[in-house]
Full PDB file with SEQRES, HELIX, SHEET, SSBOND, CRYST1, ORIGX, SCALE, CONECT and MASTER records, all heavy atoms in Angstrom:
SEQRES   1 A   34  VAL GLU VAL ILE ARG GLY LEU GLU THR ALA ASP VAL VAL          
SEQRES   2 A   34  ILE ASP THR LEU LYS ALA LEU ALA LEU SER PHE ASN LYS          
SEQRES   3 A   34  VAL PRO VAL ILE CYS ARG SER THR                              
HELIX    1 AA1 ASP A   11  SER A   23  1                                  13    
SHEET    1 AA1 2 GLU A   2  ARG A   5  0                                        
SHEET    2 AA1 2 VAL A  29  ARG A  32  1                                        
CRYST1    1.000    1.000    1.000  90.00  90.00  90.00 P 1           1          
ORIGX1      1.000000  0.000000  0.000000        0.00000                         
ORIGX2      0.000000  1.000000  0.000000        0.00000                         
ORIGX3      0.000000  0.000000  1.000000        0.00000                         
SCALE1      1.000000  0.000000  0.000000        0.00000                         
SCALE2      0.000000  1.000000  0.000000        0.00000                         
SCALE3      0.000000  0.000000  1.000000        0.00000                         
ATOM      1  N   VAL A   1      98.705 101.285 104.648  1.00  0.00           N  
ATOM      2  CA  VAL A   1      98.965 102.715 104.945  1.00  0.00           C  
ATOM      3  C   VAL A   1     100.542 103.003 104.567  1.00  0.00           C  
ATOM      4  O   VAL A   1     101.399 102.342 105.018  1.00  0.00           O  
ATOM      5  CB  VAL A   1      98.740 103.046 106.295  1.00  0.00           C  
ATOM      6  CG1 VAL A   1      99.038 104.491 106.635  1.00  0.00           C  
ATOM      7  CG2 VAL A   1      97.307 102.833 106.741  1.00  0.00           C  
ATOM      8  N   GLU A   2     100.671 103.886 103.607  1.00  0.00           N  
ATOM      9  CA  GLU A   2     102.000 104.241 103.305  1.00  0.00           C  
ATOM     10  C   GLU A   2     102.445 105.410 104.316  1.00  0.00           C  
ATOM     11  O   GLU A   2     101.707 106.368 104.345  1.00  0.00           O  
ATOM     12  CB  GLU A   2     102.129 104.736 101.886  1.00  0.00           C  
ATOM     13  CG  GLU A   2     102.057 103.736 100.848  1.00  0.00           C  
ATOM     14  CD  GLU A   2     102.035 104.299  99.361  1.00  0.00           C  
ATOM     15  OE1 GLU A   2     101.355 105.324  99.040  1.00  0.00           O  
ATOM     16  OE2 GLU A   2     102.705 103.647  98.575  1.00  0.00           O  
ATOM     17  N   VAL A   3     103.491 105.197 105.094  1.00  0.00           N  
ATOM     18  CA  VAL A   3     103.979 106.164 105.969  1.00  0.00           C  
ATOM     19  C   VAL A   3     105.206 106.804 105.341  1.00  0.00           C  
ATOM     20  O   VAL A   3     106.259 106.098 105.035  1.00  0.00           O  
ATOM     21  CB  VAL A   3     104.449 105.498 107.459  1.00  0.00           C  
ATOM     22  CG1 VAL A   3     104.852 106.603 108.341  1.00  0.00           C  
ATOM     23  CG2 VAL A   3     103.096 104.902 107.960  1.00  0.00           C  
ATOM     24  N   ILE A   4     105.099 108.085 104.988  1.00  0.00           N  
ATOM     25  CA  ILE A   4     106.030 108.649 104.009  1.00  0.00           C  
ATOM     26  C   ILE A   4     106.953 109.699 104.794  1.00  0.00           C  
ATOM     27  O   ILE A   4     106.545 110.615 105.486  1.00  0.00           O  
ATOM     28  CB  ILE A   4     105.418 109.406 102.832  1.00  0.00           C  
ATOM     29  CG1 ILE A   4     104.435 108.308 102.108  1.00  0.00           C  
ATOM     30  CG2 ILE A   4     106.366 110.041 101.928  1.00  0.00           C  
ATOM     31  CD1 ILE A   4     103.036 108.730 102.152  1.00  0.00           C  
ATOM     32  N   ARG A   5     108.212 109.470 104.579  1.00  0.00           N  
ATOM     33  CA  ARG A   5     109.214 110.261 105.240  1.00  0.00           C  
ATOM     34  C   ARG A   5     109.674 111.469 104.147  1.00  0.00           C  
ATOM     35  O   ARG A   5     110.122 111.308 103.093  1.00  0.00           O  
ATOM     36  CB  ARG A   5     110.581 109.451 105.661  1.00  0.00           C  
ATOM     37  CG  ARG A   5     111.679 110.264 106.197  1.00  0.00           C  
ATOM     38  CD  ARG A   5     112.882 109.438 106.258  1.00  0.00           C  
ATOM     39  NE  ARG A   5     112.762 108.235 107.039  1.00  0.00           N  
ATOM     40  CZ  ARG A   5     112.743 108.175 108.344  1.00  0.00           C  
ATOM     41  NH1 ARG A   5     113.099 109.154 109.131  1.00  0.00           N  
ATOM     42  NH2 ARG A   5     112.667 106.918 108.922  1.00  0.00           N  
ATOM     43  N   GLY A   6     109.493 112.717 104.670  1.00  0.00           N  
ATOM     44  CA  GLY A   6     110.056 113.955 103.917  1.00  0.00           C  
ATOM     45  C   GLY A   6     111.539 114.062 104.225  1.00  0.00           C  
ATOM     46  O   GLY A   6     112.141 113.441 105.051  1.00  0.00           O  
ATOM     47  N   LEU A   7     112.134 114.973 103.464  1.00  0.00           N  
ATOM     48  CA  LEU A   7     113.636 115.139 103.680  1.00  0.00           C  
ATOM     49  C   LEU A   7     113.902 115.490 105.185  1.00  0.00           C  
ATOM     50  O   LEU A   7     115.031 115.017 105.624  1.00  0.00           O  
ATOM     51  CB  LEU A   7     114.034 116.319 102.781  1.00  0.00           C  
ATOM     52  CG  LEU A   7     115.604 116.537 102.815  1.00  0.00           C  
ATOM     53  CD1 LEU A   7     116.351 115.335 102.137  1.00  0.00           C  
ATOM     54  CD2 LEU A   7     115.937 117.831 101.948  1.00  0.00           C  
ATOM     55  N   GLU A   8     113.135 116.212 105.868  1.00  0.00           N  
ATOM     56  CA  GLU A   8     113.421 116.548 107.254  1.00  0.00           C  
ATOM     57  C   GLU A   8     112.553 115.903 108.316  1.00  0.00           C  
ATOM     58  O   GLU A   8     112.576 116.261 109.436  1.00  0.00           O  
ATOM     59  CB  GLU A   8     113.403 118.073 107.458  1.00  0.00           C  
ATOM     60  CG  GLU A   8     114.225 118.782 106.436  1.00  0.00           C  
ATOM     61  CD  GLU A   8     114.369 120.345 106.661  1.00  0.00           C  
ATOM     62  OE1 GLU A   8     114.798 120.807 107.832  1.00  0.00           O  
ATOM     63  OE2 GLU A   8     113.977 121.092 105.841  1.00  0.00           O  
ATOM     64  N   THR A   9     111.745 114.969 107.861  1.00  0.00           N  
ATOM     65  CA  THR A   9     110.903 114.221 108.982  1.00  0.00           C  
ATOM     66  C   THR A   9     111.676 113.557 110.011  1.00  0.00           C  
ATOM     67  O   THR A   9     112.714 112.841 109.612  1.00  0.00           O  
ATOM     68  CB  THR A   9     109.993 113.215 108.252  1.00  0.00           C  
ATOM     69  OG1 THR A   9     109.193 113.901 107.175  1.00  0.00           O  
ATOM     70  CG2 THR A   9     108.917 112.630 109.175  1.00  0.00           C  
ATOM     71  N   ALA A  10     111.331 113.801 111.170  1.00  0.00           N  
ATOM     72  CA  ALA A  10     112.030 113.121 112.363  1.00  0.00           C  
ATOM     73  C   ALA A  10     111.693 111.728 112.418  1.00  0.00           C  
ATOM     74  O   ALA A  10     110.510 111.283 112.128  1.00  0.00           O  
ATOM     75  CB  ALA A  10     111.647 113.840 113.675  1.00  0.00           C  
ATOM     76  N   ASP A  11     112.722 110.951 112.882  1.00  0.00           N  
ATOM     77  CA  ASP A  11     112.515 109.434 113.087  1.00  0.00           C  
ATOM     78  C   ASP A  11     111.279 109.174 113.957  1.00  0.00           C  
ATOM     79  O   ASP A  11     110.562 108.131 113.735  1.00  0.00           O  
ATOM     80  CB  ASP A  11     113.835 108.702 113.642  1.00  0.00           C  
ATOM     81  CG  ASP A  11     114.881 108.794 112.540  1.00  0.00           C  
ATOM     82  OD1 ASP A  11     114.557 108.914 111.310  1.00  0.00           O  
ATOM     83  OD2 ASP A  11     116.061 108.615 113.007  1.00  0.00           O  
ATOM     84  N   VAL A  12     111.159 109.903 115.073  1.00  0.00           N  
ATOM     85  CA  VAL A  12     110.143 109.657 116.012  1.00  0.00           C  
ATOM     86  C   VAL A  12     108.765 109.734 115.361  1.00  0.00           C  
ATOM     87  O   VAL A  12     107.787 109.053 115.783  1.00  0.00           O  
ATOM     88  CB  VAL A  12     110.300 110.608 117.299  1.00  0.00           C  
ATOM     89  CG1 VAL A  12     110.068 112.068 116.967  1.00  0.00           C  
ATOM     90  CG2 VAL A  12     109.309 110.131 118.340  1.00  0.00           C  
ATOM     91  N   VAL A  13     108.531 110.688 114.416  1.00  0.00           N  
ATOM     92  CA  VAL A  13     107.370 110.796 113.737  1.00  0.00           C  
ATOM     93  C   VAL A  13     106.997 109.530 112.957  1.00  0.00           C  
ATOM     94  O   VAL A  13     105.869 109.007 112.968  1.00  0.00           O  
ATOM     95  CB  VAL A  13     107.423 111.973 112.800  1.00  0.00           C  
ATOM     96  CG1 VAL A  13     106.059 112.079 111.943  1.00  0.00           C  
ATOM     97  CG2 VAL A  13     107.478 113.347 113.589  1.00  0.00           C  
ATOM     98  N   ILE A  14     108.015 109.093 112.208  1.00  0.00           N  
ATOM     99  CA  ILE A  14     107.805 107.839 111.449  1.00  0.00           C  
ATOM    100  C   ILE A  14     107.441 106.674 112.283  1.00  0.00           C  
ATOM    101  O   ILE A  14     106.529 105.862 112.054  1.00  0.00           O  
ATOM    102  CB  ILE A  14     108.989 107.518 110.499  1.00  0.00           C  
ATOM    103  CG1 ILE A  14     109.238 108.634 109.521  1.00  0.00           C  
ATOM    104  CG2 ILE A  14     108.895 106.177 109.875  1.00  0.00           C  
ATOM    105  CD1 ILE A  14     108.192 108.938 108.564  1.00  0.00           C  
ATOM    106  N   ASP A  15     108.174 106.523 113.399  1.00  0.00           N  
ATOM    107  CA  ASP A  15     108.002 105.428 114.465  1.00  0.00           C  
ATOM    108  C   ASP A  15     106.588 105.515 114.918  1.00  0.00           C  
ATOM    109  O   ASP A  15     105.853 104.444 115.091  1.00  0.00           O  
ATOM    110  CB  ASP A  15     109.021 105.328 115.447  1.00  0.00           C  
ATOM    111  CG  ASP A  15     110.410 105.055 114.851  1.00  0.00           C  
ATOM    112  OD1 ASP A  15     110.517 104.572 113.941  1.00  0.00           O  
ATOM    113  OD2 ASP A  15     111.427 105.447 115.627  1.00  0.00           O  
ATOM    114  N   THR A  16     106.220 106.699 115.365  1.00  0.00           N  
ATOM    115  CA  THR A  16     104.847 106.935 115.987  1.00  0.00           C  
ATOM    116  C   THR A  16     103.774 106.537 115.028  1.00  0.00           C  
ATOM    117  O   THR A  16     102.703 105.881 115.374  1.00  0.00           O  
ATOM    118  CB  THR A  16     104.699 108.343 116.458  1.00  0.00           C  
ATOM    119  OG1 THR A  16     105.749 108.591 117.391  1.00  0.00           O  
ATOM    120  CG2 THR A  16     103.366 108.639 117.161  1.00  0.00           C  
ATOM    121  N   LEU A  17     103.796 107.079 113.794  1.00  0.00           N  
ATOM    122  CA  LEU A  17     102.777 106.858 112.772  1.00  0.00           C  
ATOM    123  C   LEU A  17     102.671 105.352 112.375  1.00  0.00           C  
ATOM    124  O   LEU A  17     101.611 104.760 112.054  1.00  0.00           O  
ATOM    125  CB  LEU A  17     103.080 107.720 111.497  1.00  0.00           C  
ATOM    126  CG  LEU A  17     102.833 109.171 111.778  1.00  0.00           C  
ATOM    127  CD1 LEU A  17     103.138 109.841 110.469  1.00  0.00           C  
ATOM    128  CD2 LEU A  17     101.392 109.449 112.251  1.00  0.00           C  
ATOM    129  N   LYS A  18     103.770 104.628 112.200  1.00  0.00           N  
ATOM    130  CA  LYS A  18     103.822 103.203 112.064  1.00  0.00           C  
ATOM    131  C   LYS A  18     103.121 102.495 113.194  1.00  0.00           C  
ATOM    132  O   LYS A  18     102.230 101.528 112.890  1.00  0.00           O  
ATOM    133  CB  LYS A  18     105.262 102.703 111.944  1.00  0.00           C  
ATOM    134  CG  LYS A  18     105.344 101.110 111.732  1.00  0.00           C  
ATOM    135  CD  LYS A  18     106.743 100.781 111.482  1.00  0.00           C  
ATOM    136  CE  LYS A  18     106.869  99.225 111.276  1.00  0.00           C  
ATOM    137  NZ  LYS A  18     108.311  98.712 111.041  1.00  0.00           N  
ATOM    138  N   ALA A  19     103.462 102.829 114.420  1.00  0.00           N  
ATOM    139  CA  ALA A  19     102.869 102.175 115.601  1.00  0.00           C  
ATOM    140  C   ALA A  19     101.295 102.416 115.487  1.00  0.00           C  
ATOM    141  O   ALA A  19     100.460 101.677 115.832  1.00  0.00           O  
ATOM    142  CB  ALA A  19     103.445 102.779 116.762  1.00  0.00           C  
ATOM    143  N   LEU A  20     100.979 103.718 115.224  1.00  0.00           N  
ATOM    144  CA  LEU A  20      99.494 104.043 115.052  1.00  0.00           C  
ATOM    145  C   LEU A  20      98.835 103.243 114.032  1.00  0.00           C  
ATOM    146  O   LEU A  20      97.701 102.722 114.287  1.00  0.00           O  
ATOM    147  CB  LEU A  20      99.368 105.588 114.658  1.00  0.00           C  
ATOM    148  CG  LEU A  20      97.985 106.029 114.678  1.00  0.00           C  
ATOM    149  CD1 LEU A  20      97.268 106.134 116.130  1.00  0.00           C  
ATOM    150  CD2 LEU A  20      97.906 107.486 114.046  1.00  0.00           C  
ATOM    151  N   ALA A  21      99.411 103.060 112.844  1.00  0.00           N  
ATOM    152  CA  ALA A  21      98.758 102.312 111.762  1.00  0.00           C  
ATOM    153  C   ALA A  21      98.640 100.778 112.222  1.00  0.00           C  
ATOM    154  O   ALA A  21      97.672 100.144 111.901  1.00  0.00           O  
ATOM    155  CB  ALA A  21      99.633 102.358 110.534  1.00  0.00           C  
ATOM    156  N   LEU A  22      99.582 100.335 112.928  1.00  0.00           N  
ATOM    157  CA  LEU A  22      99.427  98.867 113.467  1.00  0.00           C  
ATOM    158  C   LEU A  22      98.270  98.834 114.352  1.00  0.00           C  
ATOM    159  O   LEU A  22      97.602  97.818 114.460  1.00  0.00           O  
ATOM    160  CB  LEU A  22     100.810  98.510 114.110  1.00  0.00           C  
ATOM    161  CG  LEU A  22     101.905  98.213 113.085  1.00  0.00           C  
ATOM    162  CD1 LEU A  22     103.272  98.040 113.895  1.00  0.00           C  
ATOM    163  CD2 LEU A  22     101.659  96.965 112.357  1.00  0.00           C  
ATOM    164  N   SER A  23      98.126  99.874 115.262  1.00  0.00           N  
ATOM    165  CA  SER A  23      97.080  99.843 116.096  1.00  0.00           C  
ATOM    166  C   SER A  23      95.727  99.981 115.505  1.00  0.00           C  
ATOM    167  O   SER A  23      94.650  99.605 116.063  1.00  0.00           O  
ATOM    168  CB  SER A  23      97.160 101.019 117.256  1.00  0.00           C  
ATOM    169  OG  SER A  23      96.805 102.229 116.641  1.00  0.00           O  
ATOM    170  N   PHE A  24      95.629 100.547 114.299  1.00  0.00           N  
ATOM    171  CA  PHE A  24      94.554 100.402 113.400  1.00  0.00           C  
ATOM    172  C   PHE A  24      94.290  99.112 112.717  1.00  0.00           C  
ATOM    173  O   PHE A  24      93.301  99.015 111.886  1.00  0.00           O  
ATOM    174  CB  PHE A  24      94.510 101.523 112.347  1.00  0.00           C  
ATOM    175  CG  PHE A  24      94.509 102.956 112.922  1.00  0.00           C  
ATOM    176  CD1 PHE A  24      94.971 103.997 112.056  1.00  0.00           C  
ATOM    177  CD2 PHE A  24      94.082 103.288 114.184  1.00  0.00           C  
ATOM    178  CE1 PHE A  24      94.810 105.359 112.517  1.00  0.00           C  
ATOM    179  CE2 PHE A  24      94.010 104.509 114.599  1.00  0.00           C  
ATOM    180  CZ  PHE A  24      94.356 105.583 113.720  1.00  0.00           C  
ATOM    181  N   ASN A  25      95.117  98.161 113.069  1.00  0.00           N  
ATOM    182  CA  ASN A  25      95.162  96.902 112.323  1.00  0.00           C  
ATOM    183  C   ASN A  25      95.313  97.017 110.771  1.00  0.00           C  
ATOM    184  O   ASN A  25      94.764  96.294 109.990  1.00  0.00           O  
ATOM    185  CB  ASN A  25      93.832  96.150 112.506  1.00  0.00           C  
ATOM    186  CG  ASN A  25      93.803  94.668 112.186  1.00  0.00           C  
ATOM    187  OD1 ASN A  25      94.922  94.049 112.303  1.00  0.00           O  
ATOM    188  ND2 ASN A  25      92.656  94.106 111.805  1.00  0.00           N  
ATOM    189  N   LYS A  26      96.190  97.851 110.509  1.00  0.00           N  
ATOM    190  CA  LYS A  26      96.635  98.142 109.073  1.00  0.00           C  
ATOM    191  C   LYS A  26      98.060  97.605 108.829  1.00  0.00           C  
ATOM    192  O   LYS A  26      98.778  97.158 109.791  1.00  0.00           O  
ATOM    193  CB  LYS A  26      96.664  99.679 108.802  1.00  0.00           C  
ATOM    194  CG  LYS A  26      95.319 100.391 108.979  1.00  0.00           C  
ATOM    195  CD  LYS A  26      94.326  99.896 108.026  1.00  0.00           C  
ATOM    196  CE  LYS A  26      92.909 100.725 107.972  1.00  0.00           C  
ATOM    197  NZ  LYS A  26      91.960 100.171 107.043  1.00  0.00           N  
ATOM    198  N   VAL A  27      98.500  97.571 107.645  1.00  0.00           N  
ATOM    199  CA  VAL A  27      99.849  97.110 107.282  1.00  0.00           C  
ATOM    200  C   VAL A  27     100.567  98.403 106.855  1.00  0.00           C  
ATOM    201  O   VAL A  27     100.509  98.859 105.747  1.00  0.00           O  
ATOM    202  CB  VAL A  27      99.733  96.110 106.036  1.00  0.00           C  
ATOM    203  CG1 VAL A  27     101.166  95.772 105.644  1.00  0.00           C  
ATOM    204  CG2 VAL A  27      99.048  94.851 106.377  1.00  0.00           C  
ATOM    205  N   PRO A  28     101.488  98.864 107.742  1.00  0.00           N  
ATOM    206  CA  PRO A  28     102.210 100.096 107.337  1.00  0.00           C  
ATOM    207  C   PRO A  28     103.408  99.720 106.567  1.00  0.00           C  
ATOM    208  O   PRO A  28     104.118  98.757 106.888  1.00  0.00           O  
ATOM    209  CB  PRO A  28     102.501 100.713 108.787  1.00  0.00           C  
ATOM    210  CG  PRO A  28     102.614  99.557 109.643  1.00  0.00           C  
ATOM    211  CD  PRO A  28     101.671  98.504 109.164  1.00  0.00           C  
ATOM    212  N   VAL A  29     103.698 100.538 105.572  1.00  0.00           N  
ATOM    213  CA  VAL A  29     104.994 100.395 104.982  1.00  0.00           C  
ATOM    214  C   VAL A  29     105.610 101.765 104.904  1.00  0.00           C  
ATOM    215  O   VAL A  29     104.980 102.838 104.845  1.00  0.00           O  
ATOM    216  CB  VAL A  29     104.853  99.960 103.433  1.00  0.00           C  
ATOM    217  CG1 VAL A  29     104.285  98.545 103.392  1.00  0.00           C  
ATOM    218  CG2 VAL A  29     103.870 100.994 102.562  1.00  0.00           C  
ATOM    219  N   ILE A  30     107.108 101.828 105.009  1.00  0.00           N  
ATOM    220  CA  ILE A  30     107.679 103.132 105.241  1.00  0.00           C  
ATOM    221  C   ILE A  30     108.376 103.447 103.904  1.00  0.00           C  
ATOM    222  O   ILE A  30     109.107 102.566 103.278  1.00  0.00           O  
ATOM    223  CB  ILE A  30     108.745 102.999 106.244  1.00  0.00           C  
ATOM    224  CG1 ILE A  30     108.174 102.311 107.542  1.00  0.00           C  
ATOM    225  CG2 ILE A  30     109.429 104.353 106.597  1.00  0.00           C  
ATOM    226  CD1 ILE A  30     107.003 103.211 108.253  1.00  0.00           C  
ATOM    227  N   CYS A  31     108.334 104.671 103.347  1.00  0.00           N  
ATOM    228  CA  CYS A  31     108.936 104.999 102.273  1.00  0.00           C  
ATOM    229  C   CYS A  31     109.377 106.496 102.255  1.00  0.00           C  
ATOM    230  O   CYS A  31     108.850 107.235 102.968  1.00  0.00           O  
ATOM    231  CB  CYS A  31     108.211 104.785 100.960  1.00  0.00           C  
ATOM    232  SG  CYS A  31     106.876 105.797 100.747  1.00  0.00           S  
ATOM    233  N   ARG A  32     110.452 106.842 101.423  1.00  0.00           N  
ATOM    234  CA  ARG A  32     110.835 108.246 101.327  1.00  0.00           C  
ATOM    235  C   ARG A  32     109.884 108.896 100.367  1.00  0.00           C  
ATOM    236  O   ARG A  32     109.395 108.306  99.450  1.00  0.00           O  
ATOM    237  CB  ARG A  32     112.371 108.159 100.797  1.00  0.00           C  
ATOM    238  CG  ARG A  32     113.333 107.898 101.808  1.00  0.00           C  
ATOM    239  CD  ARG A  32     114.758 108.413 101.331  1.00  0.00           C  
ATOM    240  NE  ARG A  32     115.178 107.767 100.223  1.00  0.00           N  
ATOM    241  CZ  ARG A  32     115.352 108.335  99.050  1.00  0.00           C  
ATOM    242  NH1 ARG A  32     114.905 109.591  98.840  1.00  0.00           N  
ATOM    243  NH2 ARG A  32     115.833 107.645  97.890  1.00  0.00           N  
ATOM    244  N   SER A  33     109.768 110.108 100.487  1.00  0.00           N  
ATOM    245  CA  SER A  33     108.936 110.903  99.647  1.00  0.00           C  
ATOM    246  C   SER A  33     109.412 110.965  98.216  1.00  0.00           C  
ATOM    247  O   SER A  33     110.675 111.357  98.021  1.00  0.00           O  
ATOM    248  CB  SER A  33     108.777 112.349 100.065  1.00  0.00           C  
ATOM    249  OG  SER A  33     107.867 113.131  99.350  1.00  0.00           O  
ATOM    250  N   THR A  34     108.819 110.335  97.340  1.00  0.00           N  
ATOM    251  CA  THR A  34     109.096 110.237  95.891  1.00  0.00           C  
ATOM    252  C   THR A  34     107.933 110.268  95.141  1.00  0.00           C  
ATOM    253  O   THR A  34     106.850 109.827  95.623  1.00  0.00           O  
ATOM    254  CB  THR A  34     109.895 109.066  95.625  1.00  0.00           C  
ATOM    255  OG1 THR A  34     110.396 108.908  94.380  1.00  0.00           O  
ATOM    256  CG2 THR A  34     109.167 107.684  95.945  1.00  0.00           C  
TER     257      THR A  34                                                      
MASTER        0    0    0    1    2    0    0    6  256    1    0    3          
END                                                                             
């Protein structure tokens, strides 16, 4: 699961979605919107 940060995305949103993906037994990766 790619967790993608927009220019104004809050850190807590990224952290929450990463934790959610892990709870789904997925491999989350964090990247900037590009």
